[in-house]
N, C-alpha and C. Protein backbone atom coordinates (compact mmCIF):
# COMPACT_ATOMS: atom_id res chain seq x y z
N MET A 1 0.85 -1.17 0.00
CA MET A 1 0.00 0.00 0.00
C MET A 1 0.90 1.24 0.00
N ARG A 2 0.51 2.22 -0.78
CA ARG A 2 1.28 3.45 -0.86
C ARG A 2 0.70 4.46 0.12
N VAL A 3 1.58 5.16 0.83
CA VAL A 3 1.15 6.17 1.78
C VAL A 3 0.58 7.36 1.02
N LYS A 4 -0.61 7.77 1.39
CA LYS A 4 -1.28 8.89 0.72
C LYS A 4 -0.72 10.21 1.22
N ASP A 5 -0.71 10.40 2.54
CA ASP A 5 -0.22 11.63 3.16
C ASP A 5 0.47 11.24 4.46
N PRO A 6 1.81 11.25 4.49
CA PRO A 6 2.52 10.83 5.70
C PRO A 6 2.09 11.59 6.95
N ALA A 7 1.86 12.89 6.81
CA ALA A 7 1.48 13.70 7.97
C ALA A 7 0.11 13.29 8.52
N ALA A 8 -0.76 12.77 7.66
CA ALA A 8 -2.08 12.33 8.11
C ALA A 8 -1.96 11.13 9.05
N ILE A 9 -0.99 10.26 8.79
CA ILE A 9 -0.78 9.12 9.70
C ILE A 9 -0.37 9.64 11.06
N ARG A 10 0.53 10.58 11.08
CA ARG A 10 1.00 11.17 12.35
C ARG A 10 -0.15 11.85 13.09
N ARG A 11 -0.93 12.65 12.38
CA ARG A 11 -2.05 13.35 13.02
C ARG A 11 -3.06 12.35 13.59
N ALA A 12 -3.36 11.31 12.83
CA ALA A 12 -4.32 10.30 13.30
C ALA A 12 -3.80 9.58 14.53
N ARG A 13 -2.51 9.26 14.53
CA ARG A 13 -1.91 8.58 15.69
C ARG A 13 -2.00 9.47 16.92
N LYS A 14 -1.62 10.72 16.77
CA LYS A 14 -1.64 11.65 17.91
C LYS A 14 -3.05 11.91 18.40
N ALA A 15 -4.00 11.99 17.47
CA ALA A 15 -5.40 12.23 17.86
C ALA A 15 -5.93 11.10 18.74
N ARG A 16 -5.44 9.89 18.53
CA ARG A 16 -5.85 8.74 19.34
C ARG A 16 -5.02 8.59 20.60
N GLY A 17 -4.01 9.46 20.76
CA GLY A 17 -3.19 9.44 21.97
C GLY A 17 -2.11 8.38 21.98
N PHE A 18 -1.73 7.87 20.81
CA PHE A 18 -0.67 6.87 20.73
C PHE A 18 0.67 7.52 20.45
N SER A 19 1.71 6.99 21.06
CA SER A 19 3.07 7.36 20.66
C SER A 19 3.50 6.38 19.57
N GLN A 20 4.59 6.69 18.90
CA GLN A 20 5.10 5.74 17.91
C GLN A 20 5.44 4.42 18.60
N ARG A 21 5.98 4.49 19.78
CA ARG A 21 6.33 3.28 20.53
C ARG A 21 5.10 2.45 20.85
N ASP A 22 3.99 3.12 21.19
CA ASP A 22 2.74 2.39 21.45
C ASP A 22 2.34 1.57 20.23
N LEU A 23 2.44 2.18 19.06
CA LEU A 23 2.04 1.48 17.84
C LEU A 23 2.96 0.30 17.54
N THR A 24 4.24 0.44 17.84
CA THR A 24 5.15 -0.68 17.55
C THR A 24 4.77 -1.92 18.35
N ALA A 25 4.31 -1.72 19.57
CA ALA A 25 3.90 -2.85 20.39
C ALA A 25 2.63 -3.50 19.82
N LEU A 26 1.74 -2.66 19.29
CA LEU A 26 0.49 -3.18 18.73
C LEU A 26 0.71 -3.88 17.39
N PHE A 27 1.65 -3.39 16.59
CA PHE A 27 1.83 -3.88 15.24
C PHE A 27 2.98 -4.85 15.08
N LYS A 28 3.80 -4.98 16.09
CA LYS A 28 4.99 -5.85 16.01
C LYS A 28 5.89 -5.43 14.85
N CYS A 29 6.13 -4.13 14.77
CA CYS A 29 7.09 -3.59 13.81
C CYS A 29 7.99 -2.63 14.58
N THR A 30 8.95 -2.04 13.92
CA THR A 30 9.90 -1.18 14.61
C THR A 30 9.39 0.26 14.67
N GLN A 31 9.87 0.99 15.66
CA GLN A 31 9.55 2.41 15.78
C GLN A 31 10.09 3.16 14.57
N ALA A 32 11.23 2.70 14.05
CA ALA A 32 11.80 3.33 12.86
C ALA A 32 10.87 3.21 11.66
N ALA A 33 10.15 2.10 11.55
CA ALA A 33 9.21 1.92 10.44
C ALA A 33 8.04 2.90 10.56
N ILE A 34 7.50 3.06 11.76
CA ILE A 34 6.40 4.01 11.97
C ILE A 34 6.89 5.42 11.67
N SER A 35 8.06 5.75 12.17
CA SER A 35 8.64 7.08 11.93
C SER A 35 8.84 7.34 10.44
N ALA A 36 9.36 6.35 9.73
CA ALA A 36 9.61 6.50 8.29
C ALA A 36 8.30 6.67 7.52
N LEU A 37 7.24 5.98 7.93
CA LEU A 37 5.94 6.16 7.29
C LEU A 37 5.44 7.59 7.50
N GLU A 38 5.58 8.08 8.73
CA GLU A 38 5.10 9.42 9.06
C GLU A 38 5.93 10.53 8.42
N ARG A 39 7.21 10.28 8.18
CA ARG A 39 8.08 11.28 7.54
C ARG A 39 7.99 11.21 6.02
N GLY A 40 7.49 10.11 5.51
CA GLY A 40 7.39 9.96 4.06
C GLY A 40 8.62 9.34 3.43
N THR A 41 9.58 8.90 4.24
CA THR A 41 10.77 8.25 3.68
C THR A 41 10.48 6.79 3.33
N MET A 42 9.48 6.20 3.97
CA MET A 42 9.02 4.86 3.59
C MET A 42 7.68 5.09 2.90
N LYS A 43 7.65 4.97 1.60
CA LYS A 43 6.49 5.35 0.81
C LYS A 43 5.44 4.25 0.70
N THR A 44 5.81 3.02 1.00
CA THR A 44 4.87 1.91 0.91
C THR A 44 5.02 1.00 2.12
N CYS A 45 3.98 0.24 2.36
CA CYS A 45 4.04 -0.80 3.40
C CYS A 45 3.09 -1.91 2.97
N GLY A 46 3.15 -2.99 3.65
CA GLY A 46 2.28 -4.12 3.34
C GLY A 46 0.83 -3.80 3.66
N ALA A 47 -0.07 -4.46 2.98
CA ALA A 47 -1.51 -4.24 3.19
C ALA A 47 -1.91 -4.57 4.62
N ASP A 48 -1.32 -5.61 5.20
CA ASP A 48 -1.67 -5.98 6.57
C ASP A 48 -1.33 -4.86 7.54
N LEU A 49 -0.12 -4.29 7.42
CA LEU A 49 0.29 -3.20 8.31
C LEU A 49 -0.60 -1.99 8.10
N ALA A 50 -0.90 -1.65 6.87
CA ALA A 50 -1.76 -0.50 6.57
C ALA A 50 -3.13 -0.67 7.20
N LYS A 51 -3.70 -1.86 7.10
CA LYS A 51 -5.03 -2.11 7.67
C LYS A 51 -5.01 -2.03 9.19
N ILE A 52 -3.95 -2.55 9.80
CA ILE A 52 -3.86 -2.50 11.26
C ILE A 52 -3.71 -1.06 11.73
N ILE A 53 -2.87 -0.28 11.05
CA ILE A 53 -2.70 1.13 11.42
C ILE A 53 -4.06 1.84 11.36
N CYS A 54 -4.77 1.66 10.27
CA CYS A 54 -6.06 2.33 10.10
C CYS A 54 -7.06 1.91 11.16
N ARG A 55 -7.07 0.64 11.48
CA ARG A 55 -7.99 0.15 12.51
C ARG A 55 -7.67 0.77 13.87
N ARG A 56 -6.38 0.84 14.23
CA ARG A 56 -5.98 1.36 15.53
C ARG A 56 -6.20 2.86 15.67
N VAL A 57 -6.03 3.60 14.58
CA VAL A 57 -6.21 5.06 14.65
C VAL A 57 -7.62 5.47 14.20
N GLU A 58 -8.45 4.45 13.95
CA GLU A 58 -9.85 4.65 13.58
C GLU A 58 -10.02 5.57 12.37
N ARG A 59 -9.31 5.22 11.32
CA ARG A 59 -9.41 5.94 10.04
C ARG A 59 -9.64 4.90 8.94
N GLY A 60 -10.28 5.33 7.87
CA GLY A 60 -10.50 4.45 6.73
C GLY A 60 -9.21 4.22 5.97
N LEU A 61 -9.07 3.06 5.39
CA LEU A 61 -7.88 2.72 4.62
C LEU A 61 -7.64 3.74 3.51
N GLU A 62 -8.71 4.17 2.85
CA GLU A 62 -8.58 5.12 1.75
C GLU A 62 -8.19 6.52 2.23
N ASP A 63 -8.32 6.80 3.53
CA ASP A 63 -7.91 8.09 4.08
C ASP A 63 -6.39 8.21 4.17
N LEU A 64 -5.72 7.10 4.45
CA LEU A 64 -4.29 7.15 4.72
C LEU A 64 -3.43 6.47 3.66
N PHE A 65 -4.01 5.55 2.89
CA PHE A 65 -3.23 4.76 1.95
C PHE A 65 -3.91 4.67 0.59
N ILE A 66 -3.11 4.38 -0.41
CA ILE A 66 -3.60 4.15 -1.76
C ILE A 66 -3.25 2.72 -2.13
N ASP A 67 -4.24 1.97 -2.54
CA ASP A 67 -4.02 0.59 -2.97
C ASP A 67 -3.66 0.63 -4.45
N PRO A 68 -2.40 0.37 -4.81
CA PRO A 68 -2.00 0.47 -6.22
C PRO A 68 -2.78 -0.47 -7.13
N SER A 69 -3.25 -1.59 -6.61
CA SER A 69 -4.00 -2.52 -7.46
C SER A 69 -5.40 -2.01 -7.75
N ALA A 70 -5.88 -1.05 -6.97
CA ALA A 70 -7.22 -0.51 -7.18
C ALA A 70 -7.23 0.74 -8.04
N GLU A 71 -6.04 1.28 -8.35
CA GLU A 71 -5.98 2.47 -9.18
C GLU A 71 -6.42 2.13 -10.60
N ALA A 72 -7.16 3.03 -11.20
CA ALA A 72 -7.64 2.82 -12.57
C ALA A 72 -6.50 2.95 -13.55
N LEU A 73 -6.50 2.09 -14.54
CA LEU A 73 -5.51 2.17 -15.61
C LEU A 73 -6.05 3.07 -16.71
N PRO A 74 -5.18 3.85 -17.33
CA PRO A 74 -5.67 4.73 -18.40
C PRO A 74 -6.16 3.91 -19.59
N SER A 75 -7.21 4.39 -20.23
CA SER A 75 -7.77 3.73 -21.40
C SER A 75 -7.37 4.47 -22.65
N VAL A 76 -7.13 3.72 -23.70
CA VAL A 76 -6.79 4.31 -24.99
C VAL A 76 -7.76 3.73 -26.01
N THR A 77 -8.43 4.60 -26.73
CA THR A 77 -9.37 4.16 -27.75
C THR A 77 -8.73 4.34 -29.11
N THR A 78 -8.68 3.24 -29.87
CA THR A 78 -8.15 3.28 -31.23
C THR A 78 -9.17 2.67 -32.15
N GLY A 79 -9.88 3.52 -32.83
CA GLY A 79 -10.90 3.01 -33.75
C GLY A 79 -12.03 2.35 -33.01
N THR A 80 -12.10 1.04 -33.08
CA THR A 80 -13.22 0.31 -32.50
C THR A 80 -12.85 -0.41 -31.21
N ARG A 81 -11.56 -0.38 -30.82
CA ARG A 81 -11.14 -1.09 -29.60
C ARG A 81 -10.66 -0.14 -28.53
N THR A 82 -10.94 -0.48 -27.29
CA THR A 82 -10.42 0.28 -26.14
C THR A 82 -9.54 -0.69 -25.37
N THR A 83 -8.32 -0.26 -25.09
CA THR A 83 -7.41 -1.09 -24.32
C THR A 83 -6.90 -0.30 -23.13
N GLN A 84 -6.53 -1.03 -22.09
CA GLN A 84 -5.94 -0.40 -20.93
C GLN A 84 -4.45 -0.72 -20.91
N HIS A 85 -3.66 0.30 -20.61
CA HIS A 85 -2.22 0.15 -20.56
C HIS A 85 -1.74 0.14 -19.12
N ALA A 86 -0.78 -0.69 -18.82
CA ALA A 86 -0.20 -0.76 -17.49
C ALA A 86 0.57 0.51 -17.21
N LYS A 87 0.54 0.94 -15.95
CA LYS A 87 1.29 2.13 -15.55
C LYS A 87 2.77 1.79 -15.46
N ALA A 88 3.58 2.78 -15.75
CA ALA A 88 5.02 2.60 -15.59
C ALA A 88 5.34 2.59 -14.11
N VAL A 89 6.19 1.70 -13.69
CA VAL A 89 6.59 1.60 -12.29
C VAL A 89 7.75 2.54 -12.07
N ALA A 90 7.57 3.43 -11.09
CA ALA A 90 8.63 4.41 -10.79
C ALA A 90 9.63 3.85 -9.85
């Protein structure tokens, strides 16, 4: 899952009264990983971690993360056929 807005994760965590260390105990990940997500240096994380974060901070998955598999692919119409092209991976 791609982080939508790193600062939103931080705001949601603080609004629920959790420290980064509190979340590490709940998620069984490192404090450095939570910090990197909130700073934007870690741009993606696994779907399981994203779902757990959202559940604990009581936010919707779509509020904090973008599911790359759910993003629409651009369509190209050529004559009578419409095809979808895969996005370039950055």
